[in-house]
Amino acid sequence: MKKIDSELSRNIIHFLKTRECVLLNNDAFVSAVYLDPRLNVMLDDVQKGRAKLHLSKLWARLKLLDSENTNEASANSDPNSQSEDELDILMKSREKEAKSTYVKMDTAEGSPICHLLNEFLKTPRLDKSQNVLKYWDMNRYCQPELFKLAQTVMAVPVTQVSVERMFSGLKFVLSPYRSCLSPEIVQDLMIIRCNSIFHKIYKQ
């Protein structure tokens, strides 16, 4: 785009940079990039810190959900679980307090998950042509904690309805009455049309 150096290319660059800022301000997106050995070199120290904090909190939450599911399963299998006395209620309240302490410990800088996240940055950069999902599938047993985090953060959709608008807008450009347009002209028309749509979105 910079080599073309036209008004259209400069506008596209401007909106790409604006979109980049929006994405990099999203903790879930930055966390997914952090766990992508092809791209995490693009993050600065502040973004890496945000990603580590988000991933640590996510790990604590996943552990909490796992323990809740385990407790629920054991309670359902225990025939005496329906009759709770005062001691059972006291023990449950202490268990909740202990879990909240575990969450604080898991999000602390010196926690085991933070150590694993710091060590992950030493991983050699993966070639951009490689599939990051296959990478994590191959490392699921040697790095099970990070594999679980990667599965979670990489499942979060980061696309917008603006992509759907582009596909929907194609029917206005390539109609039955304009079916002789070449692929290059269709592409140019779509860029111009979508550029005006994005301009209106970002002005709001």
N, C-alpha and C. Protein backbone atom coordinates (compact mmCIF):
# COMPACT_ATOMS: atom_id res chain seq x y z
N MET A 1 0.82 -1.20 0.00
CA MET A 1 0.00 0.00 0.00
C MET A 1 0.87 1.26 0.00
N LYS A 2 1.94 1.25 0.79
CA LYS A 2 2.82 2.43 0.87
C LYS A 2 3.52 2.67 -0.47
N LYS A 3 3.84 1.58 -1.16
CA LYS A 3 4.52 1.73 -2.46
C LYS A 3 3.59 2.35 -3.50
N ILE A 4 2.31 2.02 -3.43
CA ILE A 4 1.34 2.58 -4.39
C ILE A 4 1.21 4.09 -4.19
N ASP A 5 1.13 4.52 -2.92
CA ASP A 5 1.11 5.93 -2.55
C ASP A 5 0.07 6.74 -3.32
N SER A 6 -1.16 6.26 -3.25
CA SER A 6 -2.27 7.01 -3.82
C SER A 6 -3.20 7.43 -2.69
N GLU A 7 -4.20 8.24 -3.00
CA GLU A 7 -5.14 8.67 -1.97
C GLU A 7 -5.89 7.48 -1.39
N LEU A 8 -6.27 6.54 -2.25
CA LEU A 8 -6.98 5.34 -1.79
C LEU A 8 -6.08 4.50 -0.89
N SER A 9 -4.83 4.28 -1.31
CA SER A 9 -3.93 3.44 -0.51
C SER A 9 -3.64 4.09 0.84
N ARG A 10 -3.50 5.41 0.87
CA ARG A 10 -3.24 6.10 2.13
C ARG A 10 -4.44 5.97 3.08
N ASN A 11 -5.65 6.05 2.52
CA ASN A 11 -6.85 5.86 3.34
C ASN A 11 -6.94 4.44 3.89
N ILE A 12 -6.60 3.47 3.05
CA ILE A 12 -6.63 2.07 3.49
C ILE A 12 -5.63 1.86 4.63
N ILE A 13 -4.43 2.42 4.48
CA ILE A 13 -3.41 2.30 5.53
C ILE A 13 -3.91 2.93 6.83
N HIS A 14 -4.55 4.09 6.70
CA HIS A 14 -5.08 4.78 7.89
C HIS A 14 -6.09 3.90 8.62
N PHE A 15 -7.02 3.29 7.88
CA PHE A 15 -8.04 2.48 8.51
C PHE A 15 -7.47 1.15 9.04
N LEU A 16 -6.44 0.62 8.37
CA LEU A 16 -5.78 -0.58 8.88
C LEU A 16 -5.11 -0.29 10.22
N LYS A 17 -4.47 0.86 10.33
CA LYS A 17 -3.81 1.23 11.58
C LYS A 17 -4.83 1.48 12.68
N THR A 18 -5.96 2.09 12.32
CA THR A 18 -7.03 2.31 13.30
C THR A 18 -7.57 0.99 13.81
N ARG A 19 -7.78 0.07 12.89
CA ARG A 19 -8.27 -1.26 13.26
C ARG A 19 -7.25 -2.00 14.13
N GLU A 20 -5.98 -1.85 13.80
CA GLU A 20 -4.92 -2.49 14.59
C GLU A 20 -4.95 -1.99 16.03
N CYS A 21 -5.13 -0.69 16.21
CA CYS A 21 -5.20 -0.11 17.57
C CYS A 21 -6.38 -0.67 18.34
N VAL A 22 -7.52 -0.81 17.67
CA VAL A 22 -8.72 -1.35 18.32
C VAL A 22 -8.47 -2.79 18.78
N LEU A 23 -7.89 -3.59 17.89
CA LEU A 23 -7.63 -5.00 18.22
C LEU A 23 -6.62 -5.14 19.35
N LEU A 24 -5.54 -4.34 19.30
CA LEU A 24 -4.49 -4.45 20.30
C LEU A 24 -4.89 -3.88 21.66
N ASN A 25 -6.03 -3.21 21.72
CA ASN A 25 -6.57 -2.75 23.00
C ASN A 25 -7.51 -3.78 23.62
N ASN A 26 -7.72 -4.89 22.91
CA ASN A 26 -8.58 -5.97 23.39
C ASN A 26 -7.71 -7.03 24.06
N ASP A 27 -7.93 -7.27 25.35
CA ASP A 27 -7.09 -8.21 26.11
C ASP A 27 -7.18 -9.64 25.58
N ALA A 28 -8.38 -10.04 25.14
CA ALA A 28 -8.55 -11.40 24.61
C ALA A 28 -7.74 -11.57 23.31
N PHE A 29 -7.76 -10.55 22.46
CA PHE A 29 -7.01 -10.62 21.21
C PHE A 29 -5.50 -10.66 21.48
N VAL A 30 -5.04 -9.78 22.38
CA VAL A 30 -3.61 -9.73 22.71
C VAL A 30 -3.16 -11.05 23.33
N SER A 31 -4.02 -11.67 24.13
CA SER A 31 -3.69 -12.96 24.74
C SER A 31 -3.54 -14.06 23.69
N ALA A 32 -4.41 -14.04 22.68
CA ALA A 32 -4.31 -15.02 21.60
C ALA A 32 -3.02 -14.82 20.82
N VAL A 33 -2.64 -13.57 20.58
CA VAL A 33 -1.38 -13.29 19.87
C VAL A 33 -0.19 -13.73 20.72
N TYR A 34 -0.28 -13.53 22.03
CA TYR A 34 0.81 -13.92 22.94
C TYR A 34 1.09 -15.42 22.83
N LEU A 35 0.02 -16.22 22.70
CA LEU A 35 0.18 -17.68 22.62
C LEU A 35 0.36 -18.17 21.19
N ASP A 36 0.59 -17.26 20.27
CA ASP A 36 0.85 -17.62 18.88
C ASP A 36 2.34 -17.39 18.60
N PRO A 37 3.15 -18.46 18.56
CA PRO A 37 4.61 -18.29 18.38
C PRO A 37 5.00 -17.72 17.03
N ARG A 38 4.05 -17.56 16.11
CA ARG A 38 4.35 -16.91 14.83
C ARG A 38 4.33 -15.40 14.98
N LEU A 39 3.49 -14.88 15.90
CA LEU A 39 3.19 -13.45 15.91
C LEU A 39 3.55 -12.73 17.20
N ASN A 40 3.85 -13.44 18.29
CA ASN A 40 4.01 -12.76 19.58
C ASN A 40 5.21 -11.82 19.63
N VAL A 41 6.12 -11.91 18.66
CA VAL A 41 7.24 -10.96 18.62
C VAL A 41 6.75 -9.54 18.27
N MET A 42 5.52 -9.43 17.77
CA MET A 42 4.98 -8.12 17.39
C MET A 42 4.47 -7.33 18.59
N LEU A 43 4.31 -7.98 19.74
CA LEU A 43 3.78 -7.31 20.93
C LEU A 43 4.89 -6.56 21.66
N ASP A 44 4.54 -5.38 22.20
CA ASP A 44 5.52 -4.67 23.02
C ASP A 44 5.38 -5.13 24.47
N ASP A 45 6.21 -4.59 25.36
CA ASP A 45 6.25 -5.05 26.76
C ASP A 45 4.93 -4.81 27.49
N VAL A 46 4.29 -3.68 27.22
CA VAL A 46 3.01 -3.36 27.88
C VAL A 46 1.94 -4.36 27.44
N GLN A 47 1.88 -4.65 26.15
CA GLN A 47 0.89 -5.60 25.63
C GLN A 47 1.15 -7.01 26.17
N LYS A 48 2.44 -7.39 26.28
CA LYS A 48 2.77 -8.70 26.85
C LYS A 48 2.34 -8.78 28.31
N GLY A 49 2.53 -7.68 29.05
CA GLY A 49 2.09 -7.66 30.45
C GLY A 49 0.59 -7.81 30.58
N ARG A 50 -0.16 -7.09 29.72
CA ARG A 50 -1.63 -7.22 29.72
C ARG A 50 -2.06 -8.63 29.38
N ALA A 51 -1.38 -9.22 28.40
CA ALA A 51 -1.72 -10.59 27.98
C ALA A 51 -1.46 -11.58 29.10
N LYS A 52 -0.34 -11.45 29.79
CA LYS A 52 -0.01 -12.37 30.89
C LYS A 52 -1.03 -12.25 32.02
N LEU A 53 -1.41 -11.01 32.34
CA LEU A 53 -2.41 -10.81 33.39
C LEU A 53 -3.75 -11.43 33.01
N HIS A 54 -4.16 -11.20 31.77
CA HIS A 54 -5.43 -11.76 31.29
C HIS A 54 -5.39 -13.29 31.29
N LEU A 55 -4.29 -13.87 30.83
CA LEU A 55 -4.16 -15.33 30.77
C LEU A 55 -4.09 -15.93 32.17
N SER A 56 -3.46 -15.22 33.12
CA SER A 56 -3.40 -15.71 34.50
C SER A 56 -4.79 -15.73 35.13
N LYS A 57 -5.56 -14.67 34.90
CA LYS A 57 -6.93 -14.62 35.42
C LYS A 57 -7.80 -15.70 34.77
N LEU A 58 -7.59 -15.89 33.49
CA LEU A 58 -8.35 -16.92 32.77
C LEU A 58 -8.01 -18.30 33.31
N TRP A 59 -6.73 -18.55 33.59
CA TRP A 59 -6.31 -19.85 34.13
C TRP A 59 -6.95 -20.09 35.50
N ALA A 60 -6.96 -19.04 36.35
CA ALA A 60 -7.58 -19.18 37.66
C ALA A 60 -9.06 -19.49 37.53
N ARG A 61 -9.71 -18.84 36.56
CA ARG A 61 -11.14 -19.07 36.33
C ARG A 61 -11.40 -20.49 35.83
N LEU A 62 -10.55 -20.98 34.94
CA LEU A 62 -10.69 -22.35 34.42
C LEU A 62 -10.53 -23.38 35.53
N LYS A 63 -9.55 -23.14 36.41
CA LYS A 63 -9.34 -24.06 37.53
C LYS A 63 -10.54 -24.05 38.47
N LEU A 64 -11.10 -22.86 38.68
CA LEU A 64 -12.27 -22.74 39.54
C LEU A 64 -13.47 -23.49 38.95
N LEU A 65 -13.66 -23.35 37.65
CA LEU A 65 -14.76 -24.05 36.98
C LEU A 65 -14.56 -25.56 37.04
N ASP A 66 -13.32 -26.01 36.88
CA ASP A 66 -13.03 -27.45 36.97
C ASP A 66 -13.35 -27.99 38.35
N SER A 67 -12.95 -27.24 39.39
CA SER A 67 -13.22 -27.71 40.76
C SER A 67 -14.71 -27.69 41.06
N GLU A 68 -15.42 -26.69 40.54
CA GLU A 68 -16.88 -26.63 40.76
C GLU A 68 -17.57 -27.81 40.08
N ASN A 69 -17.13 -28.13 38.86
CA ASN A 69 -17.72 -29.28 38.16
C ASN A 69 -17.42 -30.58 38.87
N THR A 70 -16.20 -30.70 39.42
CA THR A 70 -15.83 -31.91 40.17
C THR A 70 -16.66 -32.04 41.44
N ASN A 71 -16.83 -30.91 42.15
CA ASN A 71 -17.63 -30.93 43.38
C ASN A 71 -19.09 -31.26 43.09
N GLU A 72 -19.60 -30.70 41.98
CA GLU A 72 -20.99 -30.96 41.62
C GLU A 72 -21.20 -32.42 41.27
N ALA A 73 -20.23 -32.99 40.55
CA ALA A 73 -20.32 -34.41 40.17
C ALA A 73 -20.26 -35.30 41.40
N SER A 74 -19.37 -34.98 42.35
CA SER A 74 -19.27 -35.80 43.56
C SER A 74 -20.50 -35.64 44.45
N ALA A 75 -21.07 -34.41 44.46
CA ALA A 75 -22.28 -34.19 45.26
C ALA A 75 -23.46 -34.97 44.70
N ASN A 76 -23.53 -35.03 43.37
CA ASN A 76 -24.63 -35.78 42.74
C ASN A 76 -24.50 -37.27 42.97
N SER A 77 -23.26 -37.76 43.11
CA SER A 77 -23.05 -39.20 43.30
C SER A 77 -23.14 -39.60 44.77
N ASP A 78 -23.11 -38.62 45.69
CA ASP A 78 -23.15 -38.91 47.12
C ASP A 78 -24.61 -38.98 47.59
N PRO A 79 -25.03 -40.14 48.07
CA PRO A 79 -26.43 -40.26 48.51
C PRO A 79 -26.75 -39.44 49.75
N ASN A 80 -25.73 -39.10 50.56
CA ASN A 80 -25.97 -38.35 51.80
C ASN A 80 -25.82 -36.84 51.62
N SER A 81 -25.68 -36.39 50.36
CA SER A 81 -25.42 -34.97 50.13
C SER A 81 -26.63 -34.09 50.40
N GLN A 82 -27.81 -34.68 50.42
CA GLN A 82 -29.03 -33.90 50.62
C GLN A 82 -29.17 -33.43 52.06
N SER A 83 -28.62 -34.19 53.01
CA SER A 83 -28.77 -33.84 54.42
C SER A 83 -27.52 -33.10 54.89
N GLU A 84 -27.58 -31.76 54.85
CA GLU A 84 -26.46 -30.93 55.27
C GLU A 84 -26.66 -30.48 56.71
N ASP A 85 -25.60 -30.59 57.49
CA ASP A 85 -25.66 -30.05 58.85
C ASP A 85 -24.80 -28.78 58.92
N GLU A 86 -24.68 -28.21 60.10
CA GLU A 86 -23.95 -26.95 60.28
C GLU A 86 -22.48 -27.11 59.91
N LEU A 87 -21.91 -28.26 60.19
CA LEU A 87 -20.49 -28.49 59.87
C LEU A 87 -20.26 -28.47 58.36
N ASP A 88 -21.20 -29.10 57.61
CA ASP A 88 -21.08 -29.09 56.14
C ASP A 88 -21.14 -27.66 55.60
N ILE A 89 -22.05 -26.84 56.13
CA ILE A 89 -22.19 -25.46 55.68
C ILE A 89 -20.92 -24.67 55.98
N LEU A 90 -20.35 -24.89 57.19
CA LEU A 90 -19.10 -24.21 57.56
C LEU A 90 -17.97 -24.61 56.63
N MET A 91 -17.87 -25.90 56.35
CA MET A 91 -16.79 -26.39 55.47
C MET A 91 -16.92 -25.83 54.06
N LYS A 92 -18.15 -25.70 53.57
CA LYS A 92 -18.36 -25.13 52.23
C LYS A 92 -17.97 -23.66 52.17
N SER A 93 -18.28 -22.91 53.24
CA SER A 93 -17.91 -21.50 53.25
C SER A 93 -16.38 -21.34 53.29
N ARG A 94 -15.70 -22.20 54.06
CA ARG A 94 -14.24 -22.17 54.10
C ARG A 94 -13.63 -22.56 52.75
N GLU A 95 -14.30 -23.49 52.06
CA GLU A 95 -13.83 -23.92 50.75
C GLU A 95 -13.89 -22.76 49.75
N LYS A 96 -14.97 -21.97 49.82
CA LYS A 96 -15.10 -20.81 48.93
C LYS A 96 -14.02 -19.77 49.22
N GLU A 97 -13.73 -19.55 50.50
CA GLU A 97 -12.67 -18.61 50.87
C GLU A 97 -11.32 -19.08 50.34
N ALA A 98 -11.07 -20.39 50.44
CA ALA A 98 -9.80 -20.94 49.96
C ALA A 98 -9.67 -20.78 48.45
N LYS A 99 -10.79 -20.96 47.74
CA LYS A 99 -10.76 -20.82 46.27
C LYS A 99 -10.44 -19.39 45.86
N SER A 100 -11.00 -18.41 46.58
CA SER A 100 -10.70 -17.02 46.25
C SER A 100 -9.23 -16.71 46.50
N THR A 101 -8.64 -17.36 47.50
CA THR A 101 -7.20 -17.20 47.77
C THR A 101 -6.39 -17.81 46.64
N TYR A 102 -6.82 -18.98 46.15
CA TYR A 102 -6.13 -19.63 45.04
C TYR A 102 -6.13 -18.75 43.79
N VAL A 103 -7.25 -18.08 43.55
CA VAL A 103 -7.35 -17.19 42.38
C VAL A 103 -6.32 -16.09 42.48
N LYS A 104 -6.18 -15.48 43.68
CA LYS A 104 -5.19 -14.42 43.86
C LYS A 104 -3.77 -14.94 43.67
N MET A 105 -3.52 -16.17 44.16
CA MET A 105 -2.19 -16.75 44.01
C MET A 105 -1.88 -17.05 42.55
N ASP A 106 -2.88 -17.52 41.80
CA ASP A 106 -2.68 -17.88 40.39
C ASP A 106 -2.45 -16.68 39.50
N THR A 107 -2.94 -15.51 39.91
CA THR A 107 -2.76 -14.31 39.10
C THR A 107 -1.53 -13.52 39.52
N ALA A 108 -0.84 -13.96 40.59
CA ALA A 108 0.36 -13.25 41.06
C ALA A 108 1.50 -13.48 40.08
N GLU A 109 2.44 -12.53 40.06
CA GLU A 109 3.55 -12.58 39.09
C GLU A 109 4.41 -13.83 39.27
N GLY A 110 4.58 -14.29 40.51
CA GLY A 110 5.45 -15.44 40.75
C GLY A 110 4.74 -16.78 40.68
N SER A 111 3.49 -16.81 40.25
CA SER A 111 2.73 -18.05 40.21
C SER A 111 3.26 -18.99 39.13
N PRO A 112 2.97 -20.29 39.25
CA PRO A 112 3.46 -21.25 38.25
C PRO A 112 3.01 -20.94 36.82
N ILE A 113 1.76 -20.48 36.67
CA ILE A 113 1.28 -20.20 35.31
C ILE A 113 2.01 -19.00 34.72
N CYS A 114 2.35 -18.00 35.55
CA CYS A 114 3.12 -16.86 35.06
C CYS A 114 4.52 -17.30 34.63
N HIS A 115 5.08 -18.23 35.38
CA HIS A 115 6.41 -18.76 35.02
C HIS A 115 6.34 -19.46 33.66
N LEU A 116 5.30 -20.25 33.44
CA LEU A 116 5.13 -20.94 32.16
C LEU A 116 4.95 -19.95 31.01
N LEU A 117 4.19 -18.88 31.27
CA LEU A 117 3.97 -17.86 30.24
C LEU A 117 5.26 -17.12 29.91
N ASN A 118 6.07 -16.83 30.93
CA ASN A 118 7.36 -16.18 30.69
C ASN A 118 8.29 -17.08 29.89
N GLU A 119 8.30 -18.36 30.24
CA GLU A 119 9.16 -19.31 29.53
C GLU A 119 8.73 -19.49 28.08
N PHE A 120 7.42 -19.36 27.84
CA PHE A 120 6.91 -19.56 26.48
C PHE A 120 7.48 -18.54 25.51
N LEU A 121 7.79 -17.34 26.00
CA LEU A 121 8.35 -16.30 25.12
C LEU A 121 9.72 -16.68 24.58
N LYS A 122 10.38 -17.65 25.23
CA LYS A 122 11.69 -18.11 24.75
C LYS A 122 11.56 -19.12 23.60
N THR A 123 10.33 -19.51 23.30
CA THR A 123 10.10 -20.47 22.21
C THR A 123 10.54 -19.85 20.88
N PRO A 124 11.31 -20.59 20.08
CA PRO A 124 11.71 -20.04 18.77
C PRO A 124 10.50 -19.67 17.92
N ARG A 125 10.66 -18.59 17.17
CA ARG A 125 9.53 -18.11 16.35
C ARG A 125 9.15 -19.15 15.30
N LEU A 126 7.85 -19.36 15.18
CA LEU A 126 7.31 -20.30 14.20
C LEU A 126 7.11 -19.59 12.88
N ASP A 127 7.39 -20.26 11.78
CA ASP A 127 7.20 -19.66 10.46
C ASP A 127 5.73 -19.31 10.25
N LYS A 128 5.49 -18.18 9.60
CA LYS A 128 4.10 -17.68 9.43
C LYS A 128 3.23 -18.62 8.61
N SER A 129 3.85 -19.50 7.83
CA SER A 129 3.06 -20.44 7.01
C SER A 129 2.54 -21.63 7.83
N GLN A 130 3.04 -21.79 9.05
CA GLN A 130 2.63 -22.92 9.89
C GLN A 130 1.25 -22.68 10.51
N ASN A 131 0.58 -23.77 10.82
CA ASN A 131 -0.75 -23.71 11.44
C ASN A 131 -0.58 -23.72 12.96
N VAL A 132 -1.00 -22.65 13.62
CA VAL A 132 -0.79 -22.55 15.07
C VAL A 132 -1.64 -23.57 15.82
N LEU A 133 -2.79 -23.95 15.29
CA LEU A 133 -3.63 -24.95 15.96
C LEU A 133 -2.95 -26.33 15.94
N LYS A 134 -2.27 -26.64 14.83
CA LYS A 134 -1.51 -27.89 14.77
C LYS A 134 -0.33 -27.85 15.73
N TYR A 135 0.28 -26.67 15.84
CA TYR A 135 1.40 -26.51 16.78
C TYR A 135 0.96 -26.85 18.19
N TRP A 136 -0.19 -26.30 18.61
CA TRP A 136 -0.65 -26.56 19.97
C TRP A 136 -1.14 -27.99 20.14
N ASP A 137 -1.66 -28.58 19.09
CA ASP A 137 -2.07 -29.98 19.17
C ASP A 137 -0.87 -30.88 19.39
N MET A 138 0.27 -30.54 18.78
CA MET A 138 1.49 -31.33 18.96
C MET A 138 2.11 -31.11 20.35
N ASN A 139 1.81 -29.96 20.96
CA ASN A 139 2.40 -29.64 22.27
C ASN A 139 1.41 -29.79 23.42
N ARG A 140 0.30 -30.47 23.16
CA ARG A 140 -0.75 -30.56 24.18
C ARG A 140 -0.31 -31.35 25.41
N TYR A 141 0.64 -32.29 25.25
CA TYR A 141 1.07 -33.11 26.38
C TYR A 141 2.29 -32.54 27.10
N CYS A 142 3.16 -31.85 26.36
CA CYS A 142 4.34 -31.27 27.02
C CYS A 142 4.03 -29.90 27.64
N GLN A 143 2.98 -29.23 27.18
CA GLN A 143 2.56 -27.95 27.77
C GLN A 143 1.04 -27.94 27.96
N PRO A 144 0.52 -28.82 28.83
CA PRO A 144 -0.94 -28.96 28.94
C PRO A 144 -1.66 -27.70 29.42
N GLU A 145 -1.02 -26.95 30.34
CA GLU A 145 -1.67 -25.73 30.85
C GLU A 145 -1.81 -24.68 29.75
N LEU A 146 -0.71 -24.46 29.02
CA LEU A 146 -0.74 -23.47 27.94
C LEU A 146 -1.63 -23.95 26.79
N PHE A 147 -1.67 -25.25 26.57
CA PHE A 147 -2.56 -25.79 25.53
C PHE A 147 -4.02 -25.47 25.86
N LYS A 148 -4.37 -25.63 27.12
CA LYS A 148 -5.76 -25.35 27.54
C LYS A 148 -6.07 -23.87 27.39
N LEU A 149 -5.12 -23.00 27.75
CA LEU A 149 -5.32 -21.56 27.59
C LEU A 149 -5.43 -21.19 26.11
N ALA A 150 -4.56 -21.78 25.28
CA ALA A 150 -4.58 -21.48 23.84
C ALA A 150 -5.92 -21.92 23.23
N GLN A 151 -6.40 -23.08 23.64
CA GLN A 151 -7.70 -23.54 23.14
C GLN A 151 -8.81 -22.54 23.47
N THR A 152 -8.73 -21.94 24.66
CA THR A 152 -9.78 -21.01 25.10
C THR A 152 -9.69 -19.68 24.37
N VAL A 153 -8.50 -19.06 24.39
CA VAL A 153 -8.40 -17.71 23.82
C VAL A 153 -8.49 -17.72 22.29
N MET A 154 -8.07 -18.80 21.66
CA MET A 154 -8.13 -18.85 20.20
C MET A 154 -9.51 -19.23 19.69
N ALA A 155 -10.40 -19.59 20.60
CA ALA A 155 -11.78 -19.88 20.20
C ALA A 155 -12.64 -18.63 20.21
N VAL A 156 -12.11 -17.53 20.76
CA VAL A 156 -12.88 -16.29 20.83
C VAL A 156 -12.88 -15.62 19.47
N PRO A 157 -14.06 -15.37 18.87
CA PRO A 157 -14.09 -14.72 17.55
C PRO A 157 -13.68 -13.26 17.66
N VAL A 158 -12.82 -12.82 16.75
CA VAL A 158 -12.37 -11.42 16.77
C VAL A 158 -12.87 -10.66 15.55
N THR A 159 -13.66 -11.32 14.71
CA THR A 159 -14.18 -10.64 13.52
C THR A 159 -15.42 -9.84 13.88
N GLN A 160 -15.83 -8.98 12.94
CA GLN A 160 -16.99 -8.13 13.15
C GLN A 160 -18.02 -8.36 12.06
N VAL A 161 -19.16 -7.72 12.23
CA VAL A 161 -20.20 -7.82 11.21
C VAL A 161 -19.78 -7.06 9.95
N SER A 162 -18.73 -6.24 10.06
CA SER A 162 -18.27 -5.50 8.87
C SER A 162 -17.84 -6.44 7.76
N VAL A 163 -17.33 -7.62 8.14
CA VAL A 163 -16.96 -8.62 7.12
C VAL A 163 -18.21 -9.11 6.40
N GLU A 164 -19.29 -9.34 7.18
CA GLU A 164 -20.54 -9.76 6.57
C GLU A 164 -21.09 -8.67 5.65
N ARG A 165 -20.87 -7.42 6.03
CA ARG A 165 -21.33 -6.32 5.18
C ARG A 165 -20.64 -6.36 3.81
N MET A 166 -19.37 -6.74 3.83
CA MET A 166 -18.63 -6.81 2.56
C MET A 166 -19.23 -7.87 1.63
N PHE A 167 -19.53 -9.05 2.20
CA PHE A 167 -20.11 -10.11 1.39
C PHE A 167 -21.50 -9.72 0.89
N SER A 168 -22.27 -9.08 1.78
CA SER A 168 -23.61 -8.65 1.38
C SER A 168 -23.55 -7.56 0.31
N GLY A 169 -22.52 -6.70 0.40
CA GLY A 169 -22.39 -5.61 -0.57
C GLY A 169 -22.03 -6.08 -1.96
N LEU A 170 -21.52 -7.31 -2.06
CA LEU A 170 -21.12 -7.82 -3.38
C LEU A 170 -22.30 -7.91 -4.33
N LYS A 171 -23.50 -8.19 -3.80
CA LYS A 171 -24.68 -8.34 -4.67
C LYS A 171 -25.06 -7.01 -5.34
N PHE A 172 -24.65 -5.88 -4.73
CA PHE A 172 -24.93 -4.58 -5.35
C PHE A 172 -23.92 -4.25 -6.44
N VAL A 173 -22.73 -4.84 -6.34
CA VAL A 173 -21.69 -4.59 -7.34
C VAL A 173 -21.80 -5.57 -8.49
N LEU A 174 -21.94 -6.86 -8.15
CA LEU A 174 -21.97 -7.90 -9.19
C LEU A 174 -23.40 -8.42 -9.32
N SER A 175 -24.22 -7.68 -10.01
CA SER A 175 -25.62 -8.06 -10.21
C SER A 175 -25.76 -8.78 -11.57
N PRO A 176 -26.93 -9.37 -11.83
CA PRO A 176 -27.13 -10.04 -13.14
C PRO A 176 -26.94 -9.10 -14.33
N TYR A 177 -27.13 -7.79 -14.12
CA TYR A 177 -26.99 -6.82 -15.20
C TYR A 177 -25.54 -6.36 -15.39
N ARG A 178 -24.66 -6.78 -14.47
CA ARG A 178 -23.25 -6.38 -14.57
C ARG A 178 -22.35 -7.60 -14.47
N SER A 179 -22.79 -8.67 -15.06
CA SER A 179 -22.08 -9.95 -14.94
C SER A 179 -20.81 -10.04 -15.79
N CYS A 180 -20.55 -9.06 -16.63
CA CYS A 180 -19.37 -9.10 -17.50
C CYS A 180 -18.16 -8.39 -16.88
N LEU A 181 -18.28 -7.93 -15.64
CA LEU A 181 -17.17 -7.25 -14.99
C LEU A 181 -16.02 -8.23 -14.73
N SER A 182 -14.82 -7.77 -14.94
CA SER A 182 -13.65 -8.63 -14.68
C SER A 182 -13.41 -8.71 -13.17
N PRO A 183 -12.72 -9.78 -12.71
CA PRO A 183 -12.44 -9.90 -11.26
C PRO A 183 -11.67 -8.70 -10.70
N GLU A 184 -10.77 -8.13 -11.49
CA GLU A 184 -9.97 -6.98 -11.03
C GLU A 184 -10.86 -5.77 -10.77
N ILE A 185 -11.82 -5.53 -11.69
CA ILE A 185 -12.72 -4.38 -11.54
C ILE A 185 -13.65 -4.59 -10.34
N VAL A 186 -14.14 -5.82 -10.17
CA VAL A 186 -15.00 -6.13 -9.02
C VAL A 186 -14.24 -5.88 -7.72
N GLN A 187 -12.99 -6.32 -7.68
CA GLN A 187 -12.17 -6.12 -6.48
C GLN A 187 -11.97 -4.63 -6.19
N ASP A 188 -11.67 -3.85 -7.23
CA ASP A 188 -11.47 -2.41 -7.05
C ASP A 188 -12.74 -1.73 -6.56
N LEU A 189 -13.88 -2.11 -7.14
CA LEU A 189 -15.16 -1.53 -6.73
C LEU A 189 -15.50 -1.88 -5.27
N MET A 190 -15.19 -3.12 -4.87
CA MET A 190 -15.46 -3.55 -3.50
C MET A 190 -14.58 -2.79 -2.51
N ILE A 191 -13.33 -2.56 -2.87
CA ILE A 191 -12.42 -1.81 -1.98
C ILE A 191 -12.94 -0.39 -1.77
N ILE A 192 -13.35 0.25 -2.88
CA ILE A 192 -13.87 1.61 -2.77
C ILE A 192 -15.15 1.64 -1.94
N ARG A 193 -16.05 0.67 -2.19
CA ARG A 193 -17.33 0.64 -1.46
C ARG A 193 -17.11 0.38 0.03
N CYS A 194 -16.26 -0.60 0.36
CA CYS A 194 -16.02 -0.95 1.77
C CYS A 194 -15.25 0.15 2.49
N ASN A 195 -14.39 0.85 1.75
CA ASN A 195 -13.64 1.93 2.37
C ASN A 195 -14.59 3.02 2.88
N SER A 196 -15.63 3.33 2.10
CA SER A 196 -16.59 4.34 2.54
C SER A 196 -17.40 3.85 3.74
N ILE A 197 -17.72 2.54 3.77
CA ILE A 197 -18.47 1.98 4.90
C ILE A 197 -17.64 2.07 6.18
N PHE A 198 -16.35 1.68 6.10
CA PHE A 198 -15.49 1.71 7.28
C PHE A 198 -15.27 3.15 7.74
N HIS A 199 -15.22 4.07 6.79
CA HIS A 199 -15.03 5.47 7.14
C HIS A 199 -16.19 5.97 8.00
N LYS A 200 -17.42 5.58 7.64
CA LYS A 200 -18.59 5.98 8.40
C LYS A 200 -18.58 5.34 9.79
N ILE A 201 -18.13 4.08 9.87
CA ILE A 201 -18.11 3.37 11.15
C ILE A 201 -17.14 4.04 12.11
N TYR A 202 -15.92 4.34 11.63
CA TYR A 202 -14.90 4.89 12.52
C TYR A 202 -15.15 6.35 12.85
N LYS A 203 -15.93 7.05 12.02
CA LYS A 203 -16.28 8.43 12.35
C LYS A 203 -17.26 8.48 13.50
N GLN A 204 -18.07 7.41 13.65
CA GLN A 204 -19.01 7.34 14.77
C GLN A 204 -18.26 7.06 16.04
